[in-house]
Amino acid sequence: MAEALSTADLVLASIAIAMALSAFGAVATSLSVAVAMAAGSIPATGSIGYALFYNPPTDA
């Protein structure tokens, strides 16, 4: 049976999802790609901050 997703896996997925949604938003609306990716980087940066400072990786 497959193992459950770890916190690190979820953080990486949330970064990818935020950037993919912002790229889709640039294509689907009249926003420029630069503006959409800048807006998408805000939640992606929040995910990185969560992983580094709120719930940092520890040794097993």
PDB file of N, CA and C in Angstrom:
ATOM      1  N   MET A   1       0.841  -1.182   0.000  1.00  0.00           N
ATOM      2  CA  MET A   1       0.000   0.000   0.000  1.00  0.00           C
ATOM      3  C   MET A   1       0.883   1.240   0.000  1.00  0.00           C
ATOM      4  N   ALA A   2       0.464   2.260  -0.700  1.00  0.00           N
ATOM      5  CA  ALA A   2       1.247   3.489  -0.800  1.00  0.00           C
ATOM      6  C   ALA A   2       1.227   4.235   0.527  1.00  0.00           C
ATOM      7  N   GLU A   3       2.337   4.892   0.810  1.00  0.00           N
ATOM      8  CA  GLU A   3       2.421   5.678   2.033  1.00  0.00           C
ATOM      9  C   GLU A   3       1.618   6.964   1.886  1.00  0.00           C
ATOM     10  N   ALA A   4       1.226   7.528   3.014  1.00  0.00           N
ATOM     11  CA  ALA A   4       0.492   8.790   2.992  1.00  0.00           C
ATOM     12  C   ALA A   4       1.433   9.921   2.594  1.00  0.00           C
ATOM     13  N   LEU A   5       0.863  10.975   2.083  1.00  0.00           N
ATOM     14  CA  LEU A   5       1.669  12.124   1.694  1.00  0.00           C
ATOM     15  C   LEU A   5       2.219  12.823   2.928  1.00  0.00           C
ATOM     16  N   SER A   6       3.475  13.202   2.869  1.00  0.00           N
ATOM     17  CA  SER A   6       4.084  13.929   3.986  1.00  0.00           C
ATOM     18  C   SER A   6       3.806  15.419   3.820  1.00  0.00           C
ATOM     19  N   THR A   7       4.149  16.176   4.846  1.00  0.00           N
ATOM     20  CA  THR A   7       3.970  17.620   4.795  1.00  0.00           C
ATOM     21  C   THR A   7       4.807  18.230   3.681  1.00  0.00           C
ATOM     22  N   ALA A   8       6.014  17.733   3.499  1.00  0.00           N
ATOM     23  CA  ALA A   8       6.873  18.257   2.427  1.00  0.00           C
ATOM     24  C   ALA A   8       6.250  18.023   1.054  1.00  0.00           C
ATOM     25  N   ASP A   9       5.629  16.879   0.859  1.00  0.00           N
ATOM     26  CA  ASP A   9       4.959  16.597  -0.410  1.00  0.00           C
ATOM     27  C   ASP A   9       3.812  17.571  -0.649  1.00  0.00           C
ATOM     28  N   LEU A  10       3.049  17.847   0.392  1.00  0.00           N
ATOM     29  CA  LEU A  10       1.921  18.765   0.260  1.00  0.00           C
ATOM     30  C   LEU A  10       2.381  20.195   0.001  1.00  0.00           C
ATOM     31  N   VAL A  11       3.484  20.588   0.618  1.00  0.00           N
ATOM     32  CA  VAL A  11       4.023  21.927   0.374  1.00  0.00           C
ATOM     33  C   VAL A  11       4.473  22.054  -1.073  1.00  0.00           C
ATOM     34  N   LEU A  12       5.188  21.070  -1.573  1.00  0.00           N
ATOM     35  CA  LEU A  12       5.623  21.113  -2.971  1.00  0.00           C
ATOM     36  C   LEU A  12       4.436  21.126  -3.925  1.00  0.00           C
ATOM     37  N   ALA A  13       3.412  20.371  -3.605  1.00  0.00           N
ATOM     38  CA  ALA A  13       2.219  20.359  -4.452  1.00  0.00           C
ATOM     39  C   ALA A  13       1.509  21.709  -4.422  1.00  0.00           C
ATOM     40  N   SER A  14       1.449  22.339  -3.246  1.00  0.00           N
ATOM     41  CA  SER A  14       0.765  23.631  -3.159  1.00  0.00           C
ATOM     42  C   SER A  14       1.504  24.711  -3.937  1.00  0.00           C
ATOM     43  N   ILE A  15       2.836  24.642  -3.981  1.00  0.00           N
ATOM     44  CA  ILE A  15       3.609  25.596  -4.777  1.00  0.00           C
ATOM     45  C   ILE A  15       3.288  25.411  -6.261  1.00  0.00           C
ATOM     46  N   ALA A  16       3.297  24.177  -6.698  1.00  0.00           N
ATOM     47  CA  ALA A  16       3.018  23.894  -8.107  1.00  0.00           C
ATOM     48  C   ALA A  16       1.591  24.279  -8.479  1.00  0.00           C
ATOM     49  N   ILE A  17       0.644  24.010  -7.606  1.00  0.00           N
ATOM     50  CA  ILE A  17      -0.754  24.344  -7.890  1.00  0.00           C
ATOM     51  C   ILE A  17      -0.941  25.848  -7.973  1.00  0.00           C
ATOM     52  N   ALA A  18      -0.326  26.595  -7.057  1.00  0.00           N
ATOM     53  CA  ALA A  18      -0.458  28.058  -7.084  1.00  0.00           C
ATOM     54  C   ALA A  18       0.107  28.634  -8.379  1.00  0.00           C
ATOM     55  N   MET A  19       1.245  28.146  -8.805  1.00  0.00           N
ATOM     56  CA  MET A  19       1.849  28.669 -10.028  1.00  0.00           C
ATOM     57  C   MET A  19       1.072  28.228 -11.272  1.00  0.00           C
ATOM     58  N   ALA A  20       0.557  27.005 -11.270  1.00  0.00           N
ATOM     59  CA  ALA A  20      -0.237  26.533 -12.408  1.00  0.00           C
ATOM     60  C   ALA A  20      -1.542  27.309 -12.522  1.00  0.00           C
ATOM     61  N   LEU A  21      -2.179  27.591 -11.398  1.00  0.00           N
ATOM     62  CA  LEU A  21      -3.420  28.368 -11.440  1.00  0.00           C
ATOM     63  C   LEU A  21      -3.171  29.790 -11.918  1.00  0.00           C
ATOM     64  N   SER A  22      -2.045  30.363 -11.523  1.00  0.00           N
ATOM     65  CA  SER A  22      -1.750  31.713 -11.990  1.00  0.00           C
ATOM     66  C   SER A  22      -1.441  31.719 -13.486  1.00  0.00           C
ATOM     67  N   ALA A  23      -0.771  30.700 -13.979  1.00  0.00           N
ATOM     68  CA  ALA A  23      -0.518  30.609 -15.422  1.00  0.00           C
ATOM     69  C   ALA A  23      -1.833  30.433 -16.178  1.00  0.00           C
ATOM     70  N   PHE A  24      -2.722  29.610 -15.651  1.00  0.00           N
ATOM     71  CA  PHE A  24      -4.034  29.451 -16.274  1.00  0.00           C
ATOM     72  C   PHE A  24      -4.817  30.759 -16.245  1.00  0.00           C
ATOM     73  N   GLY A  25      -4.704  31.489 -15.132  1.00  0.00           N
ATOM     74  CA  GLY A  25      -5.377  32.777 -15.041  1.00  0.00           C
ATOM     75  C   GLY A  25      -4.873  33.771 -16.065  1.00  0.00           C
ATOM     76  N   ALA A  26      -3.577  33.714 -16.377  1.00  0.00           N
ATOM     77  CA  ALA A  26      -3.026  34.605 -17.395  1.00  0.00           C
ATOM     78  C   ALA A  26      -3.567  34.267 -18.772  1.00  0.00           C
ATOM     79  N   VAL A  27      -3.760  32.998 -19.033  1.00  0.00           N
ATOM     80  CA  VAL A  27      -4.268  32.583 -20.337  1.00  0.00           C
ATOM     81  C   VAL A  27      -5.764  32.863 -20.454  1.00  0.00           C
ATOM     82  N   ALA A  28      -6.489  32.638 -19.364  1.00  0.00           N
ATOM     83  CA  ALA A  28      -7.944  32.754 -19.413  1.00  0.00           C
ATOM     84  C   ALA A  28      -8.452  34.186 -19.297  1.00  0.00           C
ATOM     85  N   THR A  29      -7.630  35.109 -18.803  1.00  0.00           N
ATOM     86  CA  THR A  29      -8.066  36.492 -18.630  1.00  0.00           C
ATOM     87  C   THR A  29      -7.147  37.415 -19.426  1.00  0.00           C
ATOM     88  N   SER A  30      -7.358  38.688 -19.252  1.00  0.00           N
ATOM     89  CA  SER A  30      -6.541  39.668 -19.965  1.00  0.00           C
ATOM     90  C   SER A  30      -5.293  40.080 -19.179  1.00  0.00           C
ATOM     91  N   LEU A  31      -5.025  39.406 -18.068  1.00  0.00           N
ATOM     92  CA  LEU A  31      -3.815  39.714 -17.293  1.00  0.00           C
ATOM     93  C   LEU A  31      -2.565  39.326 -18.074  1.00  0.00           C
ATOM     94  N   SER A  32      -1.518  40.093 -17.885  1.00  0.00           N
ATOM     95  CA  SER A  32      -0.255  39.686 -18.503  1.00  0.00           C
ATOM     96  C   SER A  32       0.327  38.522 -17.699  1.00  0.00           C
ATOM     97  N   VAL A  33       1.185  37.782 -18.331  1.00  0.00           N
ATOM     98  CA  VAL A  33       1.789  36.622 -17.679  1.00  0.00           C
ATOM     99  C   VAL A  33       2.619  37.071 -16.474  1.00  0.00           C
ATOM    100  N   ALA A  34       3.330  38.173 -16.602  1.00  0.00           N
ATOM    101  CA  ALA A  34       4.172  38.656 -15.510  1.00  0.00           C
ATOM    102  C   ALA A  34       3.336  39.016 -14.285  1.00  0.00           C
ATOM    103  N   VAL A  35       2.214  39.689 -14.492  1.00  0.00           N
ATOM    104  CA  VAL A  35       1.355  40.061 -13.367  1.00  0.00           C
ATOM    105  C   VAL A  35       0.735  38.827 -12.731  1.00  0.00           C
ATOM    106  N   ALA A  36       0.267  37.911 -13.536  1.00  0.00           N
ATOM    107  CA  ALA A  36      -0.358  36.699 -13.009  1.00  0.00           C
ATOM    108  C   ALA A  36       0.641  35.849 -12.236  1.00  0.00           C
ATOM    109  N   MET A  37       1.850  35.705 -12.763  1.00  0.00           N
ATOM    110  CA  MET A  37       2.850  34.901 -12.057  1.00  0.00           C
ATOM    111  C   MET A  37       3.309  35.592 -10.768  1.00  0.00           C
ATOM    112  N   ALA A  38       3.365  36.921 -10.783  1.00  0.00           N
ATOM    113  CA  ALA A  38       3.700  37.652  -9.559  1.00  0.00           C
ATOM    114  C   ALA A  38       2.616  37.448  -8.512  1.00  0.00           C
ATOM    115  N   ALA A  39       1.372  37.468  -8.933  1.00  0.00           N
ATOM    116  CA  ALA A  39       0.277  37.233  -7.995  1.00  0.00           C
ATOM    117  C   ALA A  39       0.281  35.787  -7.498  1.00  0.00           C
ATOM    118  N   GLY A  40       0.623  34.854  -8.356  1.00  0.00           N
ATOM    119  CA  GLY A  40       0.679  33.449  -7.954  1.00  0.00           C
ATOM    120  C   GLY A  40       1.857  33.138  -7.052  1.00  0.00           C
ATOM    121  N   SER A  41       2.885  33.962  -7.111  1.00  0.00           N
ATOM    122  CA  SER A  41       4.050  33.710  -6.262  1.00  0.00           C
ATOM    123  C   SER A  41       3.790  34.053  -4.801  1.00  0.00           C
ATOM    124  N   ILE A  42       2.768  34.842  -4.532  1.00  0.00           N
ATOM    125  CA  ILE A  42       2.475  35.215  -3.137  1.00  0.00           C
ATOM    126  C   ILE A  42       2.042  33.999  -2.326  1.00  0.00           C
ATOM    127  N   PRO A  43       1.029  33.215  -2.749  1.00  0.00           N
ATOM    128  CA  PRO A  43       0.708  32.016  -1.963  1.00  0.00           C
ATOM    129  C   PRO A  43       1.811  30.956  -2.013  1.00  0.00           C
ATOM    130  N   ALA A  44       2.558  30.913  -3.113  1.00  0.00           N
ATOM    131  CA  ALA A  44       3.670  29.962  -3.189  1.00  0.00           C
ATOM    132  C   ALA A  44       4.738  30.311  -2.162  1.00  0.00           C
ATOM    133  N   THR A  45       5.019  31.590  -2.011  1.00  0.00           N
ATOM    134  CA  THR A  45       5.983  32.033  -1.004  1.00  0.00           C
ATOM    135  C   THR A  45       5.467  31.746   0.395  1.00  0.00           C
ATOM    136  N   GLY A  46       4.169  31.886   0.598  1.00  0.00           N
ATOM    137  CA  GLY A  46       3.582  31.547   1.897  1.00  0.00           C
ATOM    138  C   GLY A  46       3.747  30.074   2.221  1.00  0.00           C
ATOM    139  N   SER A  47       3.638  29.225   1.224  1.00  0.00           N
ATOM    140  CA  SER A  47       3.848  27.789   1.438  1.00  0.00           C
ATOM    141  C   SER A  47       5.286  27.494   1.829  1.00  0.00           C
ATOM    142  N   ILE A  48       6.221  28.176   1.191  1.00  0.00           N
ATOM    143  CA  ILE A  48       7.629  27.988   1.536  1.00  0.00           C
ATOM    144  C   ILE A  48       7.898  28.483   2.947  1.00  0.00           C
ATOM    145  N   GLY A  49       7.331  29.630   3.297  1.00  0.00           N
ATOM    146  CA  GLY A  49       7.491  30.151   4.658  1.00  0.00           C
ATOM    147  C   GLY A  49       6.923  29.213   5.700  1.00  0.00           C
ATOM    148  N   TYR A  50       5.783  28.612   5.391  1.00  0.00           N
ATOM    149  CA  TYR A  50       5.201  27.637   6.315  1.00  0.00           C
ATOM    150  C   TYR A  50       6.147  26.455   6.512  1.00  0.00           C
ATOM    151  N   ALA A  51       6.694  25.958   5.417  1.00  0.00           N
ATOM    152  CA  ALA A  51       7.559  24.782   5.502  1.00  0.00           C
ATOM    153  C   ALA A  51       8.862  25.086   6.217  1.00  0.00           C
ATOM    154  N   LEU A  52       9.385  26.284   6.065  1.00  0.00           N
ATOM    155  CA  LEU A  52      10.679  26.608   6.656  1.00  0.00           C
ATOM    156  C   LEU A  52      10.592  27.069   8.107  1.00  0.00           C
ATOM    157  N   PHE A  53       9.553  27.844   8.437  1.00  0.00           N
ATOM    158  CA  PHE A  53       9.534  28.492   9.746  1.00  0.00           C
ATOM    159  C   PHE A  53       8.470  27.962  10.699  1.00  0.00           C
ATOM    160  N   TYR A  54       7.289  27.629  10.206  1.00  0.00           N
ATOM    161  CA  TYR A  54       6.230  27.168  11.094  1.00  0.00           C
ATOM    162  C   TYR A  54       6.339  25.668  11.369  1.00  0.00           C
ATOM    163  N   ASN A  55       6.633  24.894  10.355  1.00  0.00           N
ATOM    164  CA  ASN A  55       6.714  23.452  10.491  1.00  0.00           C
ATOM    165  C   ASN A  55       7.978  22.964   9.789  1.00  0.00           C
ATOM    166  N   PRO A  56       9.160  23.282  10.364  1.00  0.00           N
ATOM    167  CA  PRO A  56      10.414  22.923   9.677  1.00  0.00           C
ATOM    168  C   PRO A  56      10.658  21.420   9.675  1.00  0.00           C
ATOM    169  N   PRO A  57      11.443  20.964   8.718  1.00  0.00           N
ATOM    170  CA  PRO A  57      11.758  19.526   8.685  1.00  0.00           C
ATOM    171  C   PRO A  57      12.642  19.142   9.875  1.00  0.00           C
ATOM    172  N   THR A  58      12.435  17.949  10.368  1.00  0.00           N
ATOM    173  CA  THR A  58      13.214  17.446  11.497  1.00  0.00           C
ATOM    174  C   THR A  58      13.770  16.073  11.143  1.00  0.00           C
ATOM    175  N   ASP A  59      14.752  15.652  11.908  1.00  0.00           N
ATOM    176  CA  ASP A  59      15.296  14.313  11.710  1.00  0.00           C
ATOM    177  C   ASP A  59      14.324  13.277  12.244  1.00  0.00           C
ATOM    178  N   ALA A  60      14.302  12.145  11.589  1.00  0.00           N
ATOM    179  CA  ALA A  60      13.388  11.068  12.015  1.00  0.00           C
ATOM    180  C   ALA A  60      13.936  10.389  13.184  1.00  0.00           C
TER     181      ALA A  60
END
